[in-house]
C-alpha atoms as a PDB file:
ATOM      1  CA  MET A   1       0.476  -6.384   0.790  1.00  0.00           C
ATOM      2  CA  THR A   2      -1.443  -3.191   0.283  1.00  0.00           C
ATOM      3  CA  PHE A   3      -4.631  -2.817  -1.741  1.00  0.00           C
ATOM      4  CA  ASP A   4      -7.756  -0.740  -2.257  1.00  0.00           C
ATOM      5  CA  ILE A   5     -11.312  -1.925  -1.729  1.00  0.00           C
ATOM      6  CA  LEU A   6     -13.306  -0.708  -4.716  1.00  0.00           C
ATOM      7  CA  GLU A   7     -16.817   0.713  -4.717  1.00  0.00           C
ATOM      8  CA  ASN A   8     -18.223  -2.665  -5.822  1.00  0.00           C
ATOM      9  CA  GLY A   9     -16.428  -4.549  -3.015  1.00  0.00           C
ATOM     10  CA  GLY A  10     -13.710  -5.916  -5.304  1.00  0.00           C
ATOM     11  CA  VAL A  11      -9.993  -5.419  -4.761  1.00  0.00           C
ATOM     12  CA  GLY A  12      -7.620  -3.271  -6.837  1.00  0.00           C
ATOM     13  CA  ASN A  13      -4.263  -1.509  -6.762  1.00  0.00           C
ATOM     14  CA  ILE A  14      -2.575  -4.563  -5.224  1.00  0.00           C
ATOM     15  CA  ASN A  15       1.072  -4.152  -4.215  1.00  0.00           C
ATOM     16  CA  VAL A  16       3.477  -6.555  -2.556  1.00  0.00           C
ATOM     17  CA  VAL A  17       5.287  -4.565   0.124  1.00  0.00           C
ATOM     18  CA  THR A  18       7.706  -7.274   1.256  1.00  0.00           C
ATOM     19  CA  SER A  19       8.068 -10.964   0.574  1.00  0.00           C
ATOM     20  CA  SER A  20      10.284 -13.776   1.743  1.00  0.00           C
ATOM     21  CA  PRO A  21      11.750 -15.399  -0.212  1.00  0.00           C
ATOM     22  CA  LYS A  22      11.597 -12.384  -2.468  1.00  0.00           C
ATOM     23  CA  GLY A  23       9.450 -12.825  -5.582  1.00  0.00           C
ATOM     24  CA  VAL A  24       8.646 -16.510  -5.068  1.00  0.00           C
ATOM     25  CA  PHE A  25       4.985 -16.221  -4.024  1.00  0.00           C
ATOM     26  CA  ASP A  26       4.210 -12.669  -5.202  1.00  0.00           C
ATOM     27  CA  LYS A  27       2.220 -13.666  -8.290  1.00  0.00           C
ATOM     28  CA  GLU A  28       0.119 -16.249  -6.427  1.00  0.00           C
ATOM     29  CA  ALA A  29      -0.494 -13.869  -3.528  1.00  0.00           C
ATOM     30  CA  LYS A  30      -1.798 -11.217  -5.938  1.00  0.00           C
ATOM     31  CA  LYS A  31      -4.022 -13.778  -7.681  1.00  0.00           C
ATOM     32  CA  ALA A  32      -5.481 -14.850  -4.341  1.00  0.00           C
ATOM     33  CA  LEU A  33      -6.143 -11.287  -3.189  1.00  0.00           C
ATOM     34  CA  GLU A  34      -7.818 -10.405  -6.515  1.00  0.00           C
ATOM     35  CA  ARG A  35     -10.555 -12.962  -5.693  1.00  0.00           C
ATOM     36  CA  TRP A  36     -11.412 -11.435  -2.295  1.00  0.00           C
ATOM     37  CA  LYS A  37     -14.687  -9.532  -1.906  1.00  0.00           C
ATOM     38  CA  TYR A  38     -15.637  -7.004   0.752  1.00  0.00           C
ATOM     39  CA  LEU A  39     -18.794  -5.167   1.670  1.00  0.00           C
ATOM     40  CA  PRO A  40     -18.312  -1.711   0.166  1.00  0.00           C
ATOM     41  CA  ALA A  41     -18.129   1.249   2.556  1.00  0.00           C
ATOM     42  CA  LYS A  42     -20.798   3.917   2.362  1.00  0.00           C
ATOM     43  CA  SER A  43     -20.035   7.614   2.420  1.00  0.00           C
ATOM     44  CA  LYS A  44     -23.360   9.391   2.928  1.00  0.00           C
ATOM     45  CA  ASP A  45     -25.525   7.867   0.177  1.00  0.00           C
ATOM     46  CA  ASN A  46     -22.672   6.755  -2.084  1.00  0.00           C
ATOM     47  CA  LEU A  47     -20.404   3.738  -2.030  1.00  0.00           C
ATOM     48  CA  ALA A  48     -16.832   4.697  -1.237  1.00  0.00           C
ATOM     49  CA  ARG A  49     -13.448   3.280  -2.113  1.00  0.00           C
ATOM     50  CA  ARG A  50     -11.256   2.348   0.857  1.00  0.00           C
ATOM     51  CA  MET A  51      -7.628   3.067   0.084  1.00  0.00           C
ATOM     52  CA  ASN A  52      -4.360   1.611   1.390  1.00  0.00           C
ATOM     53  CA  GLN A  53      -5.674  -1.442   3.214  1.00  0.00           C
ATOM     54  CA  GLU A  54      -3.056  -3.901   4.443  1.00  0.00           C
ATOM     55  CA  VAL A  55      -2.992  -7.675   4.749  1.00  0.00           C
ATOM     56  CA  ARG A  56      -0.355 -10.317   5.334  1.00  0.00           C
ATOM     57  CA  LEU A  57      -0.588 -13.636   3.499  1.00  0.00           C
ATOM     58  CA  ASP A  58       1.416 -16.612   4.746  1.00  0.00           C
ATOM     59  CA  PHE A  59       2.004 -19.603   2.484  1.00  0.00           C
ATOM     60  CA  GLN A  60       2.752 -22.990   3.991  1.00  0.00           C
ATOM     61  CA  LEU A  61       4.177 -25.908   2.064  1.00  0.00           C
ATOM     62  CA  ASP A  62       3.365 -29.358   3.417  1.00  0.00           C
END
């Protein structure tokens, strides 16, 4: 998945790059990533957006 870290530390512009099986967990993966929070990056005295971050989420069924 790719995403941006927003100025407030939230997550936006979420995209599923690949999934297996295709489309099965995409919606739940996006919902999970939307709840993540990061410390915002600072650029000089302003908070900055961090673009094109990547993460891999693995789902396990028990």
